[in-house]
Amino acid sequence: MALCDPAQWGLAMERRGVMKGLLGGLLALLGAGRGGAKVRQAAGAAAPAVDIAALRAMVGYPVEVVDGAQALARWEALRRAGEGYPVVVGDAEALSFLAEAAGFDDREDPKAILAEAAALQWPQAIFDARRREREAFAAEYGAGEIEEDDEAIVGDWPAKVADAPELTTREDILTGKPHRQCFIVIFPAQHGWEVPAYANWGGWNENPAPALHVAALKSWHERYGAELVGMSGDVMNLRVARKPASRVEALALAREHYAYCADIVEQGMGSLAALAATYLESRWWYFWWD
């Protein structure tokens, strides 16, 4: 359920479509007309079909291209190297989408975003933000009170646990096959939870503001050892070191994640219980904002 003005949403989607078209055209021209650009290419990756220097300039940070099948191993190697924080973004279209999200408007100072995040109390900050958003939507469109945790949303504990997505940004969403060219952006950050500040990532439709992402990822890193591995224009993949210890804890975490990203329940698992069950089985968390 989108909680923004339909007219604004339409304009946003139209702008995104225009930008993706322009960027796609630009990338095609660059790929066809610019040879000889210095490319940071990992072993086994397909020969780049686009100008990596141009993509790097769009994002504003170092960019590496690898074969999608090797993306996680390369991410781990880059993490060990400790020269910035790597994030697996996806193919050229995903990278251009990320560049649009980070740089379409004037980029906010990362230090300001990090300072704003440090002042937030997580998870109460996201519960409060979601409540304000829903109340504003109800007031604007006469939708009435919206209950967030009724029994239909909580649901029954599933007899069979659904498979949890893992590193989705390295794969084609339609075929499930690894990208032949998968891009990794290296942000000037020490921790994954700082990345949304450097990417100026979030703040559209139900996608939380960058400071809320920073606060969320920092809290989950401290509590579960969660590390940001993949991030595109509208998706995040986290890998955790510690799972919830019980169904009660997993369900509380699912409520937190639902406030943070309603689409993983409303357009995904269908209930908090079904989502919580995956957290007891998998070390991967998946978020997607429509």
Protein backbone atom coordinates (compact mmCIF):
# COMPACT_ATOMS: atom_id res chain seq x y z
CA MET A 1 0.00 0.00 0.00
CA ALA A 2 1.62 3.25 -1.11
CA LEU A 3 1.25 6.02 1.46
CA CYS A 4 2.08 9.02 -0.67
CA ASP A 5 -0.05 11.38 -2.71
CA PRO A 6 -1.00 9.42 -5.89
CA ALA A 7 -0.24 12.45 -8.02
CA GLN A 8 3.22 12.79 -6.49
CA TRP A 9 3.81 9.05 -6.85
CA GLY A 10 2.87 9.25 -10.51
CA LEU A 11 5.28 12.12 -11.04
CA ALA A 12 8.00 10.27 -9.16
CA MET A 13 7.55 7.16 -11.27
CA GLU A 14 7.45 9.22 -14.44
CA ARG A 15 10.66 10.98 -13.40
CA ARG A 16 12.28 7.64 -12.60
CA GLY A 17 11.25 6.24 -15.96
CA VAL A 18 12.60 9.26 -17.78
CA MET A 19 15.85 9.14 -15.84
CA LYS A 20 16.32 5.42 -16.39
CA GLY A 21 15.67 5.93 -20.09
CA LEU A 22 18.15 8.78 -20.30
CA LEU A 23 20.76 6.90 -18.32
CA GLY A 24 20.20 3.75 -20.34
CA GLY A 25 20.66 5.71 -23.54
CA LEU A 26 23.77 7.37 -22.19
CA LEU A 27 25.25 4.05 -21.11
CA ALA A 28 24.54 2.55 -24.53
CA LEU A 29 26.26 5.49 -26.22
CA LEU A 30 29.20 5.27 -23.87
CA GLY A 31 29.52 1.55 -24.44
CA ALA A 32 29.41 1.97 -28.18
CA GLY A 33 31.50 5.09 -28.55
CA ARG A 34 34.11 5.14 -25.78
CA GLY A 35 36.89 2.62 -25.82
CA GLY A 36 40.02 2.39 -23.79
CA ALA A 37 38.62 3.57 -20.43
CA LYS A 38 40.60 2.13 -17.54
CA VAL A 39 38.42 -0.57 -15.98
CA ARG A 40 38.81 -2.16 -12.58
CA GLN A 41 37.74 -5.66 -13.55
CA ALA A 42 37.97 -8.74 -11.35
CA ALA A 43 39.15 -12.02 -12.85
CA GLY A 44 36.36 -13.94 -14.58
CA ALA A 45 34.10 -10.97 -15.24
CA ALA A 46 32.75 -10.44 -18.73
CA ALA A 47 34.33 -7.66 -20.76
CA PRO A 48 32.50 -4.45 -19.83
CA ALA A 49 29.91 -3.29 -22.34
CA VAL A 50 29.77 0.20 -20.82
CA ASP A 51 32.24 2.86 -19.77
CA ILE A 52 33.01 2.09 -16.14
CA ALA A 53 34.62 5.49 -15.65
CA ALA A 54 31.33 7.15 -16.58
CA LEU A 55 29.38 4.92 -14.20
CA ARG A 56 31.89 5.67 -11.46
CA ALA A 57 31.43 9.39 -12.09
CA MET A 58 27.64 9.04 -11.82
CA VAL A 59 27.85 7.31 -8.45
CA GLY A 60 30.80 9.33 -7.20
CA TYR A 61 32.68 6.37 -5.67
CA PRO A 62 35.00 3.59 -6.94
CA VAL A 63 33.24 0.89 -8.95
CA GLU A 64 34.37 -2.67 -9.68
CA VAL A 65 32.84 -5.14 -12.11
CA VAL A 66 32.79 -8.90 -11.45
CA ASP A 67 30.95 -11.99 -12.62
CA GLY A 68 27.77 -12.23 -10.52
CA ALA A 69 28.62 -15.81 -9.54
CA GLN A 70 31.76 -14.47 -7.84
CA ALA A 71 30.20 -11.35 -6.35
CA LEU A 72 29.89 -12.60 -2.77
CA ALA A 73 33.44 -13.96 -2.71
CA ARG A 74 34.74 -10.69 -4.12
CA TRP A 75 32.71 -8.71 -1.57
CA GLU A 76 34.29 -10.76 1.22
CA ALA A 77 37.77 -10.12 -0.19
CA LEU A 78 37.12 -6.39 -0.41
CA ARG A 79 35.82 -6.36 3.18
CA ARG A 80 39.01 -8.04 4.34
CA ALA A 81 41.07 -5.48 2.44
CA GLY A 82 39.43 -2.75 4.53
CA GLU A 83 39.74 -0.01 1.93
CA GLY A 84 36.24 1.42 2.18
CA TYR A 85 32.99 -0.55 2.42
CA PRO A 86 31.90 -2.58 -0.65
CA VAL A 87 28.27 -3.11 -1.66
CA VAL A 88 27.07 -5.46 -4.41
CA VAL A 89 24.72 -3.36 -6.55
CA GLY A 90 23.81 -5.49 -9.58
CA ASP A 91 23.98 -4.87 -13.33
CA ALA A 92 24.54 -1.58 -15.16
CA GLU A 93 20.87 -0.67 -14.98
CA ALA A 94 20.85 -1.22 -11.21
CA LEU A 95 23.98 0.89 -10.87
CA SER A 96 22.43 3.72 -12.88
CA PHE A 97 19.30 3.44 -10.73
CA LEU A 98 21.44 3.73 -7.60
CA ALA A 99 23.24 6.73 -9.10
CA GLU A 100 19.87 8.37 -9.70
CA ALA A 101 18.75 7.70 -6.13
CA ALA A 102 21.98 9.09 -4.71
CA GLY A 103 22.57 11.99 -7.03
CA PHE A 104 19.37 13.12 -8.76
CA ASP A 105 19.04 15.97 -6.24
CA ASP A 106 21.83 17.71 -4.35
CA ARG A 107 23.55 15.12 -2.20
CA GLU A 108 23.22 15.76 1.53
CA ASP A 109 26.37 15.86 3.65
CA PRO A 110 26.94 12.31 4.97
CA LYS A 111 28.16 13.68 8.29
CA ALA A 112 24.84 15.46 8.79
CA ILE A 113 22.94 12.24 8.09
CA LEU A 114 25.14 10.28 10.50
CA ALA A 115 24.63 12.92 13.20
CA GLU A 116 20.85 12.83 12.68
CA ALA A 117 20.88 9.04 12.93
CA ALA A 118 22.90 9.12 16.16
CA ALA A 119 20.11 11.14 17.80
CA LEU A 120 17.42 8.57 16.93
CA GLN A 121 16.22 5.86 19.30
CA TRP A 122 15.83 2.60 17.38
CA PRO A 123 13.40 0.86 16.89
CA GLN A 124 11.02 3.46 18.36
CA ALA A 125 12.09 5.92 15.66
CA ILE A 126 10.70 3.76 12.85
CA PHE A 127 7.50 2.94 14.73
CA ASP A 128 6.93 6.67 15.26
CA ALA A 129 7.79 7.52 11.65
CA ARG A 130 5.43 4.87 10.30
CA ARG A 131 2.61 5.98 12.59
CA ARG A 132 3.02 9.61 11.51
CA GLU A 133 3.06 8.55 7.86
CA ARG A 134 -0.10 6.47 8.20
CA GLU A 135 -1.94 9.14 10.18
CA ALA A 136 -1.06 11.77 7.58
CA PHE A 137 -2.28 9.46 4.81
CA ALA A 138 -5.52 8.76 6.69
CA ALA A 139 -6.13 12.46 7.29
CA GLU A 140 -5.43 13.32 3.65
CA TYR A 141 -7.60 10.61 2.09
CA GLY A 142 -10.12 9.78 4.83
CA ALA A 143 -8.82 6.25 5.25
CA GLY A 144 -9.52 6.20 8.98
CA GLU A 145 -7.36 4.58 11.63
CA ILE A 146 -4.95 1.97 10.31
CA GLU A 147 -4.05 -0.82 12.69
CA GLU A 148 -0.53 -2.10 12.15
CA ASP A 149 -0.57 -5.35 14.14
CA ASP A 150 -4.02 -6.92 13.82
CA GLU A 151 -4.25 -10.72 13.87
CA ALA A 152 -4.43 -10.93 10.07
CA ILE A 153 -0.98 -9.35 9.84
CA VAL A 154 0.50 -11.42 12.68
CA GLY A 155 -0.86 -14.72 11.37
CA ASP A 156 -0.14 -18.27 12.55
CA TRP A 157 3.29 -19.79 12.79
CA PRO A 158 3.85 -21.66 9.50
CA ALA A 159 4.15 -25.44 9.36
CA LYS A 160 6.76 -25.03 6.62
CA VAL A 161 9.26 -22.18 6.54
CA ALA A 162 9.56 -20.32 3.25
CA ASP A 163 12.95 -20.00 1.59
CA ALA A 164 14.51 -16.62 2.38
CA PRO A 165 16.14 -14.61 -0.44
CA GLU A 166 19.91 -14.31 -0.13
CA LEU A 167 22.12 -12.00 -2.20
CA THR A 168 19.54 -11.01 -4.79
CA THR A 169 21.44 -8.03 -6.21
CA ARG A 170 23.95 -10.33 -7.94
CA GLU A 171 21.17 -12.04 -9.94
CA ASP A 172 18.74 -11.28 -12.72
CA ILE A 173 15.36 -10.91 -11.00
CA LEU A 174 13.52 -12.70 -13.83
CA THR A 175 15.83 -15.64 -14.48
CA GLY A 176 17.57 -16.01 -11.12
CA LYS A 177 20.86 -16.38 -12.97
CA PRO A 178 23.95 -14.40 -11.90
CA HIS A 179 24.65 -11.20 -13.83
CA ARG A 180 27.48 -11.60 -16.30
CA GLN A 181 28.54 -8.11 -15.23
CA CYS A 182 27.84 -7.33 -11.60
CA PHE A 183 28.95 -4.03 -10.13
CA ILE A 184 30.34 -3.42 -6.66
CA VAL A 185 30.50 0.14 -5.32
CA ILE A 186 33.12 0.91 -2.66
CA PHE A 187 31.89 3.62 -0.30
CA PRO A 188 34.24 5.69 1.90
CA ALA A 189 32.81 4.12 5.05
CA GLN A 190 34.18 1.83 7.73
CA HIS A 191 30.85 0.17 8.54
CA GLY A 192 27.95 -0.99 6.38
CA TRP A 193 25.47 0.94 8.50
CA GLU A 194 27.14 4.19 7.35
CA VAL A 195 26.57 3.46 3.65
CA PRO A 196 23.03 4.94 3.32
CA ALA A 197 24.48 8.27 4.49
CA TYR A 198 27.18 8.22 1.79
CA ALA A 199 24.69 7.01 -0.83
CA ASN A 200 22.01 9.52 0.23
CA TRP A 201 19.76 6.46 -0.01
CA GLY A 202 16.07 6.54 0.88
CA GLY A 203 13.33 9.08 1.53
CA TRP A 204 10.93 8.23 -1.30
CA ASN A 205 7.48 6.63 -1.08
CA GLU A 206 7.58 4.22 1.93
CA ASN A 207 11.37 3.94 1.77
CA PRO A 208 12.62 5.54 5.03
CA ALA A 209 14.90 8.57 5.10
CA PRO A 210 18.67 7.93 5.00
CA ALA A 211 19.10 8.65 8.72
CA LEU A 212 16.52 5.98 9.57
CA HIS A 213 18.40 3.45 7.43
CA VAL A 214 21.63 4.30 9.24
CA ALA A 215 19.98 3.90 12.65
CA ALA A 216 18.37 0.61 11.61
CA LEU A 217 21.53 -0.97 10.19
CA LYS A 218 23.62 0.16 13.16
CA SER A 219 21.15 -1.34 15.65
CA TRP A 220 20.92 -4.64 13.75
CA HIS A 221 24.70 -4.79 13.43
CA GLU A 222 25.06 -4.40 17.21
CA ARG A 223 22.31 -6.90 18.05
CA TYR A 224 22.66 -9.51 15.29
CA GLY A 225 25.98 -8.82 13.59
CA ALA A 226 24.06 -7.73 10.48
CA GLU A 227 26.24 -6.62 7.56
CA LEU A 228 25.04 -4.80 4.46
CA VAL A 229 26.09 -6.88 1.44
CA GLY A 230 23.76 -5.87 -1.40
CA MET A 231 21.95 -2.62 -2.19
CA SER A 232 20.35 -1.42 -5.41
CA GLY A 233 17.91 1.42 -6.00
CA ASP A 234 15.12 -0.28 -4.04
CA VAL A 235 16.55 -3.45 -2.44
CA MET A 236 18.80 -4.29 0.51
CA ASN A 237 20.42 -7.64 1.35
CA LEU A 238 21.85 -8.10 4.84
CA ARG A 239 23.77 -11.09 6.19
CA VAL A 240 23.65 -11.71 9.93
CA ALA A 241 26.09 -13.43 12.28
CA ARG A 242 23.49 -14.21 14.97
CA LYS A 243 19.90 -15.37 14.52
CA PRO A 244 17.07 -14.57 16.96
CA ALA A 245 17.10 -17.04 19.87
CA SER A 246 13.37 -17.75 20.02
CA ARG A 247 10.05 -17.36 18.23
CA VAL A 248 9.18 -14.48 20.55
CA GLU A 249 12.36 -12.62 19.64
CA ALA A 250 11.94 -13.41 15.94
CA LEU A 251 8.37 -12.10 15.95
CA ALA A 252 9.46 -8.88 17.69
CA LEU A 253 12.14 -8.48 15.03
CA ALA A 254 9.58 -9.11 12.28
CA ARG A 255 7.38 -6.31 13.70
CA GLU A 256 10.39 -4.02 13.60
CA HIS A 257 11.17 -5.01 10.02
CA TYR A 258 7.54 -4.57 9.00
CA ALA A 259 7.57 -0.99 10.28
CA TYR A 260 10.81 -0.47 8.39
CA CYS A 261 9.70 -2.17 5.17
CA ALA A 262 5.99 -3.06 4.93
CA ASP A 263 6.33 -4.54 1.43
CA ILE A 264 8.19 -7.63 2.71
CA VAL A 265 4.94 -8.59 4.47
CA GLU A 266 2.16 -6.94 2.47
CA GLN A 267 3.62 -7.92 -0.92
CA GLY A 268 5.83 -10.77 0.25
CA MET A 269 5.50 -13.18 3.18
CA GLY A 270 1.89 -12.24 3.94
CA SER A 271 2.22 -12.30 7.73
CA LEU A 272 4.63 -11.39 10.50
CA ALA A 273 4.77 -15.00 11.68
CA ALA A 274 5.80 -16.27 8.24
CA LEU A 275 8.51 -13.60 8.10
CA ALA A 276 9.70 -14.32 11.65
CA ALA A 277 10.02 -18.03 10.89
CA THR A 278 12.60 -17.30 8.19
CA TYR A 279 14.77 -15.47 10.73
CA LEU A 280 15.20 -18.64 12.77
CA GLU A 281 16.40 -20.53 9.68
CA SER A 282 18.32 -18.09 7.48
CA ARG A 283 21.23 -15.72 7.99
CA TRP A 284 20.00 -13.46 5.19
CA TRP A 285 17.50 -10.60 5.49
CA TYR A 286 15.84 -9.09 2.42
CA PHE A 287 14.15 -5.70 2.10
CA TRP A 288 12.36 -4.25 -0.91
CA TRP A 289 10.44 -0.99 -1.30
CA ASP A 290 7.92 -0.60 -4.12
